[in-house]
Amino acid sequence: MVRPRKPGEAAADWFAKAEDDRMPLDERRAFDAWMADADNARAYRDVEDAWDVLGEAGGDRELLRMRSAALRAASGPSRRAVFGMAGAAIAAAAGAGGVGLMMAGAAQATIRTGVGERLTAPLPDGSRVTLAPLSKIRVKFTSALRSVRLDEGQAYFEARAASDRPFRVTAGDQVAESAGGRFQVTLGEGGSQILLEEGALRVAADGAAARRIDAGQMLSGPASSPRVAAADLEGLTAWRSGRLVFDDEALSEVVAAFNRYSADQLVLGRPDLGAIRVSGSFRYDGAREFAGAMQAAFGLRVRQVDQATWRIEPGTSG
């Protein structure tokens, strides 16, 4: 059952939307209808008053807009985009005189996704991030630095150009820094993978000299011995358009990828099956269809374990 929203929570979102001159007419009418309720109007005035206490904080007003946009864009039921200085925080501040909201002038956020969820969210400076399923980032933007930490999964960044304010992404022991551009960062068991689509990147690990990556290149491997090589941009970014592309990859890795992207889960019936090499392009929500393709191509058997689990087993001669 969905919990009814408290007036203060809704007021924070409406405050962000109402400040946008591009607010659609249907939303404007919904806002007017919501404000017709005395409790709602009172909650909205409390948010306005709390904001006035903060004084000049135009950049933080953008964070409110960011939260509302992220909530509208979130895919899947969980909508786990939690913004530290956004609507929920300002709603709480309405009852606390705005104390503690400035957080030393830094805009901070945690954004995460679950199985099968993709999320594109705006960042405080107008940049954007797209998270793959089962991913998590922590954002901290100040007047001098735009900082993001990838804690798990994969993220694609569209960083707005700002030569005096670097855009820095930390993934494991690797730190990628850009003045603006489009790039993708993946955190895996074998280290981080940093792929540059547009612009220029400098990547460094603790105690090591920075390395430059040019458009069309990828840095991968452990921080102690990273490799830079030409990248298959189309294949490596295909997840953003709903596909998974594999080029001679182990079946164990392919199954792990599908289990992040699809509600249907795959299980290997025997460990040695994981060594089978797989190539091809598949819908990322098509785990069941992929299992059928393995059955046809390699003579494997596919058995349904339960409503959402499919077991890949050796064929009769395996």
Protein backbone atom coordinates (compact mmCIF):
# COMPACT_ATOMS: atom_id res chain seq x y z
CA MET A 1 0.00 0.00 0.00
CA VAL A 2 1.35 3.44 -0.89
CA ARG A 3 1.76 5.75 2.11
CA PRO A 4 -0.09 9.06 1.67
CA ARG A 5 2.34 11.94 1.37
CA LYS A 6 2.43 14.46 4.18
CA PRO A 7 1.71 18.09 3.18
CA GLY A 8 5.29 19.12 4.01
CA GLU A 9 6.77 16.49 1.70
CA ALA A 10 4.51 17.44 -1.19
CA ALA A 11 5.11 21.14 -0.52
CA ALA A 12 8.85 20.72 -1.11
CA ASP A 13 8.25 19.19 -4.53
CA TRP A 14 5.64 21.78 -5.47
CA PHE A 15 8.02 24.54 -4.36
CA ALA A 16 10.64 23.26 -6.80
CA LYS A 17 8.15 22.92 -9.65
CA ALA A 18 6.40 26.24 -9.10
CA GLU A 19 9.69 28.11 -9.40
CA ASP A 20 10.16 26.77 -12.92
CA ASP A 21 8.66 29.03 -15.59
CA ARG A 22 8.36 25.99 -17.88
CA MET A 23 5.92 24.23 -15.57
CA PRO A 24 3.29 22.54 -17.83
CA LEU A 25 -0.25 23.88 -17.72
CA ASP A 26 -1.70 20.63 -16.36
CA GLU A 27 0.80 20.67 -13.49
CA ARG A 28 0.02 24.33 -12.80
CA ARG A 29 -3.68 23.45 -12.52
CA ALA A 30 -2.86 20.52 -10.23
CA PHE A 31 -0.76 22.84 -8.08
CA ASP A 32 -3.61 25.34 -7.82
CA ALA A 33 -5.99 22.57 -6.79
CA TRP A 34 -3.50 21.29 -4.21
CA MET A 35 -3.06 24.81 -2.80
CA ALA A 36 -6.82 25.14 -2.35
CA ASP A 37 -6.50 22.89 0.72
CA ALA A 38 -5.73 24.98 3.81
CA ASP A 39 -3.23 22.45 5.28
CA ASN A 40 -1.37 22.25 1.97
CA ALA A 41 -1.22 26.03 1.61
CA ARG A 42 0.12 26.34 5.15
CA ALA A 43 2.81 23.73 4.47
CA TYR A 44 3.80 25.53 1.29
CA ARG A 45 4.17 28.84 3.14
CA ASP A 46 6.34 27.09 5.74
CA VAL A 47 8.67 25.89 2.98
CA GLU A 48 8.83 29.40 1.52
CA ASP A 49 9.63 30.83 4.94
CA ALA A 50 12.34 28.23 5.56
CA TRP A 51 13.87 29.09 2.21
CA ASP A 52 13.92 32.80 3.03
CA VAL A 53 15.86 31.99 6.20
CA LEU A 54 18.66 30.59 4.05
CA GLY A 55 19.13 33.90 2.26
CA GLU A 56 20.85 33.88 -1.11
CA ALA A 57 21.03 30.22 -2.15
CA GLY A 58 20.11 30.08 -5.83
CA GLY A 59 22.28 27.03 -6.48
CA ASP A 60 20.40 25.06 -3.83
CA ARG A 61 17.10 26.03 -5.44
CA GLU A 62 18.42 24.19 -8.51
CA LEU A 63 18.87 21.14 -6.31
CA LEU A 64 15.19 21.18 -5.52
CA ARG A 65 14.45 21.13 -9.22
CA MET A 66 16.97 18.32 -9.63
CA ARG A 67 15.18 16.16 -7.07
CA SER A 68 11.78 16.65 -8.67
CA ALA A 69 13.16 15.86 -12.12
CA ALA A 70 14.88 12.74 -10.84
CA LEU A 71 11.73 11.48 -9.16
CA ARG A 72 9.78 11.94 -12.39
CA ALA A 73 12.51 10.23 -14.44
CA ALA A 74 13.17 7.28 -12.12
CA SER A 75 12.31 3.93 -13.68
CA GLY A 76 10.88 1.09 -11.60
CA PRO A 77 8.85 1.15 -8.43
CA SER A 78 11.53 1.93 -5.86
CA ARG A 79 12.59 5.41 -7.03
CA ARG A 80 15.58 5.39 -4.73
CA ALA A 81 17.04 8.78 -5.64
CA VAL A 82 17.70 10.41 -2.30
CA PHE A 83 18.91 14.02 -2.40
CA GLY A 84 20.37 15.33 0.83
CA MET A 85 19.60 19.02 0.23
CA ALA A 86 16.40 18.59 -1.73
CA GLY A 87 12.69 18.48 -1.00
CA ALA A 88 12.64 16.20 2.02
CA ALA A 89 15.40 18.19 3.72
CA ILE A 90 13.79 21.54 3.06
CA ALA A 91 10.45 20.22 4.27
CA ALA A 92 12.12 19.21 7.54
CA ALA A 93 13.79 22.60 7.73
CA ALA A 94 10.39 24.28 7.60
CA GLY A 95 9.87 23.06 11.14
CA ALA A 96 13.44 23.74 12.27
CA GLY A 97 14.10 27.27 11.08
CA GLY A 98 16.32 26.10 8.22
CA VAL A 99 19.17 25.16 10.58
CA GLY A 100 21.71 22.68 9.12
CA LEU A 101 20.56 22.89 5.51
CA MET A 102 23.62 24.61 4.08
CA MET A 103 25.95 21.69 4.83
CA ALA A 104 29.04 23.92 4.46
CA GLY A 105 27.88 25.13 1.06
CA ALA A 106 28.09 21.69 -0.57
CA ALA A 107 25.34 20.04 -2.59
CA GLN A 108 25.28 16.35 -1.63
CA ALA A 109 23.25 13.45 -2.96
CA THR A 110 23.12 9.67 -3.04
CA ILE A 111 21.56 8.03 -6.09
CA ARG A 112 21.04 4.30 -6.51
CA THR A 113 19.19 1.81 -8.70
CA GLY A 114 17.88 -1.71 -8.20
CA VAL A 115 17.66 -4.79 -10.42
CA GLY A 116 16.33 -3.86 -13.85
CA GLU A 117 16.27 -0.11 -13.07
CA ARG A 118 17.89 2.59 -15.18
CA LEU A 119 17.87 6.16 -13.97
CA THR A 120 18.84 9.42 -15.67
CA ALA A 121 19.11 12.32 -13.25
CA PRO A 122 20.23 15.94 -13.59
CA LEU A 123 23.12 17.10 -11.40
CA PRO A 124 23.31 20.49 -9.66
CA ASP A 125 25.38 22.17 -12.40
CA GLY A 126 23.20 21.00 -15.30
CA SER A 127 25.28 17.90 -16.04
CA ARG A 128 23.49 14.54 -16.22
CA VAL A 129 24.18 11.01 -15.04
CA THR A 130 22.59 7.75 -16.21
CA LEU A 131 22.88 4.81 -13.83
CA ALA A 132 22.76 1.18 -14.93
CA PRO A 133 20.90 -1.32 -12.73
CA LEU A 134 22.36 -2.13 -9.32
CA SER A 135 24.47 1.02 -9.26
CA LYS A 136 25.16 3.66 -6.64
CA ILE A 137 26.86 7.04 -6.71
CA ARG A 138 27.49 9.73 -4.10
CA VAL A 139 27.58 13.31 -5.34
CA LYS A 140 29.21 16.29 -3.66
CA PHE A 141 29.34 19.58 -5.55
CA THR A 142 31.01 22.72 -4.21
CA SER A 143 31.91 26.04 -5.81
CA ALA A 144 35.40 24.68 -6.60
CA LEU A 145 34.86 21.00 -7.45
CA ARG A 146 32.23 18.66 -8.86
CA SER A 147 32.88 15.31 -7.19
CA VAL A 148 31.16 11.94 -7.72
CA ARG A 149 32.06 8.58 -6.16
CA LEU A 150 30.87 5.40 -7.88
CA ASP A 151 30.36 2.85 -5.10
CA GLU A 152 29.00 0.08 -7.29
CA GLY A 153 27.82 -0.66 -10.82
CA GLN A 154 28.06 1.56 -13.87
CA ALA A 155 27.37 5.21 -14.65
CA TYR A 156 27.39 7.33 -17.80
CA PHE A 157 28.18 11.01 -17.30
CA GLU A 158 27.39 14.02 -19.48
CA ALA A 159 29.52 16.64 -17.76
CA ARG A 160 28.86 20.28 -18.58
CA ALA A 161 32.02 22.16 -19.57
CA ALA A 162 33.60 24.23 -16.77
CA SER A 163 37.37 24.63 -17.01
CA ASP A 164 37.60 26.27 -13.58
CA ARG A 165 35.53 23.60 -11.83
CA PRO A 166 36.75 20.04 -12.57
CA PHE A 167 34.30 17.14 -12.80
CA ARG A 168 35.91 14.30 -10.85
CA VAL A 169 34.70 10.69 -10.62
CA THR A 170 36.28 8.21 -8.20
CA ALA A 171 35.83 4.47 -8.83
CA GLY A 172 37.83 2.18 -6.59
CA ASP A 173 41.43 3.40 -6.65
CA GLN A 174 41.02 5.29 -9.93
CA VAL A 175 40.12 8.96 -10.21
CA ALA A 176 38.96 10.37 -13.55
CA GLU A 177 38.91 14.13 -14.04
CA SER A 178 37.34 16.10 -16.89
CA ALA A 179 36.65 19.74 -17.66
CA GLY A 180 33.55 18.55 -19.56
CA GLY A 181 32.54 15.72 -21.87
CA ARG A 182 30.77 12.36 -22.04
CA PHE A 183 32.24 9.27 -20.41
CA GLN A 184 31.29 6.01 -18.75
CA VAL A 185 32.70 4.49 -15.57
CA THR A 186 32.23 0.87 -14.52
CA LEU A 187 33.33 -0.69 -11.24
CA GLY A 188 33.98 -4.42 -11.44
CA GLU A 189 35.81 -7.19 -9.64
CA GLY A 190 38.90 -6.75 -11.83
CA GLY A 191 39.09 -3.00 -11.25
CA SER A 192 37.48 -0.02 -12.88
CA GLN A 193 36.75 0.58 -16.57
CA ILE A 194 36.68 4.16 -17.83
CA LEU A 195 35.42 4.82 -21.34
CA LEU A 196 35.57 8.23 -23.02
CA GLU A 197 33.04 9.12 -25.70
CA GLU A 198 33.70 12.86 -26.04
CA GLY A 199 36.19 15.32 -24.59
CA ALA A 200 39.38 14.46 -22.69
CA LEU A 201 40.04 12.69 -19.40
CA ARG A 202 42.94 12.44 -17.01
CA VAL A 203 42.94 9.28 -14.89
CA ALA A 204 45.18 8.64 -11.91
CA ALA A 205 45.50 6.16 -9.07
CA ASP A 206 46.90 6.86 -5.63
CA GLY A 207 50.61 7.61 -5.93
CA ALA A 208 50.72 7.20 -9.71
CA ALA A 209 51.11 9.72 -12.51
CA ALA A 210 47.92 10.72 -14.33
CA ARG A 211 47.23 9.19 -17.74
CA ARG A 212 45.34 10.92 -20.51
CA ILE A 213 42.46 9.19 -22.29
CA ASP A 214 41.24 10.51 -25.63
CA ALA A 215 37.80 10.11 -27.19
CA GLY A 216 37.19 6.54 -28.32
CA GLN A 217 39.60 5.05 -25.78
CA MET A 218 39.07 2.99 -22.65
CA LEU A 219 41.20 2.49 -19.56
CA SER A 220 40.64 -0.80 -17.78
CA GLY A 221 42.20 -3.19 -15.29
CA PRO A 222 43.55 -2.82 -11.77
CA ALA A 223 44.93 0.54 -10.66
CA SER A 224 48.43 -0.97 -10.38
CA SER A 225 48.58 -1.89 -14.08
CA PRO A 226 45.83 -0.19 -16.11
CA ARG A 227 45.62 -0.56 -19.88
CA VAL A 228 44.49 2.05 -22.41
CA ALA A 229 43.15 0.82 -25.74
CA ALA A 230 40.63 1.65 -28.47
CA ALA A 231 37.07 0.93 -27.30
CA ASP A 232 33.93 -0.48 -28.88
CA LEU A 233 31.80 2.54 -28.02
CA GLU A 234 28.60 1.19 -29.55
CA GLY A 235 28.78 -2.14 -27.77
CA LEU A 236 29.91 -0.86 -24.39
CA THR A 237 27.22 1.82 -24.20
CA ALA A 238 24.40 -0.29 -25.72
CA TRP A 239 22.81 -0.78 -22.26
CA ARG A 240 21.62 2.81 -22.43
CA SER A 241 19.36 1.88 -25.35
CA GLY A 242 18.15 -1.38 -23.79
CA ARG A 243 20.62 -3.91 -25.18
CA LEU A 244 23.55 -5.98 -23.93
CA VAL A 245 26.35 -6.70 -26.41
CA PHE A 246 28.89 -9.46 -25.80
CA ASP A 247 32.05 -10.22 -27.76
CA ASP A 248 33.58 -13.60 -26.91
CA GLU A 249 32.75 -13.29 -23.21
CA ALA A 250 32.44 -16.10 -20.69
CA LEU A 251 28.90 -17.37 -20.10
CA SER A 252 29.39 -16.82 -16.37
CA GLU A 253 29.93 -13.08 -16.98
CA VAL A 254 27.02 -12.91 -19.40
CA VAL A 255 24.69 -14.53 -16.86
CA ALA A 256 25.84 -12.07 -14.20
CA ALA A 257 25.06 -9.17 -16.55
CA PHE A 258 21.56 -10.44 -17.32
CA ASN A 259 20.89 -10.94 -13.61
CA ARG A 260 21.54 -7.25 -13.04
CA TYR A 261 19.31 -6.09 -15.87
CA SER A 262 16.45 -8.58 -15.93
CA ALA A 263 13.75 -9.58 -13.46
CA ASP A 264 14.16 -13.12 -14.84
CA GLN A 265 17.22 -14.63 -13.15
CA LEU A 266 19.57 -17.18 -14.71
CA VAL A 267 21.46 -19.92 -12.84
CA LEU A 268 24.21 -22.16 -14.21
CA GLY A 269 23.63 -25.81 -13.32
CA ARG A 270 27.33 -26.63 -13.41
CA PRO A 271 30.37 -24.35 -12.87
CA ASP A 272 32.21 -25.47 -16.02
CA LEU A 273 29.36 -24.14 -18.18
CA GLY A 274 30.56 -20.67 -17.24
CA ALA A 275 33.59 -21.10 -19.53
CA ILE A 276 31.45 -21.23 -22.71
CA ARG A 277 32.23 -18.18 -24.87
CA VAL A 278 29.33 -16.04 -25.98
CA SER A 279 28.96 -13.32 -28.62
CA GLY A 280 25.85 -11.46 -29.70
CA SER A 281 23.43 -8.62 -29.03
CA PHE A 282 20.42 -9.20 -26.81
CA ARG A 283 17.63 -7.20 -25.17
CA TYR A 284 18.75 -6.66 -21.61
CA ASP A 285 15.34 -7.67 -20.25
CA GLY A 286 15.37 -10.82 -22.38
CA ALA A 287 17.11 -13.29 -20.06
CA ARG A 288 14.57 -15.98 -20.84
CA GLU A 289 15.05 -15.55 -24.59
CA PHE A 290 18.83 -15.61 -24.11
CA ALA A 291 18.58 -18.93 -22.27
CA GLY A 292 16.62 -20.31 -25.20
CA ALA A 293 19.35 -19.14 -27.57
CA MET A 294 21.96 -20.99 -25.49
CA GLN A 295 19.83 -24.11 -25.72
CA ALA A 296 19.70 -23.88 -29.51
CA ALA A 297 23.35 -22.90 -30.04
CA PHE A 298 25.09 -25.24 -27.60
CA GLY A 299 22.62 -28.04 -27.02
CA LEU A 300 22.10 -27.03 -23.40
CA ARG A 301 18.92 -27.62 -21.46
CA VAL A 302 16.89 -24.83 -19.86
CA ARG A 303 14.68 -25.66 -16.90
CA GLN A 304 12.29 -23.30 -15.16
CA VAL A 305 12.95 -23.39 -11.40
CA ASP A 306 10.25 -20.95 -10.36
CA GLN A 307 8.32 -18.05 -11.81
CA ALA A 308 11.43 -15.87 -12.22
CA THR A 309 14.39 -18.30 -12.27
CA TRP A 310 15.74 -20.31 -15.20
CA ARG A 311 18.45 -22.95 -14.82
CA ILE A 312 20.89 -23.63 -17.67
CA GLU A 313 22.11 -27.22 -17.55
CA PRO A 314 24.26 -29.53 -19.69
CA GLY A 315 22.51 -31.26 -22.55
CA THR A 316 21.80 -34.96 -22.57
CA SER A 317 25.27 -35.66 -23.97
CA GLY A 318 27.03 -33.14 -21.63
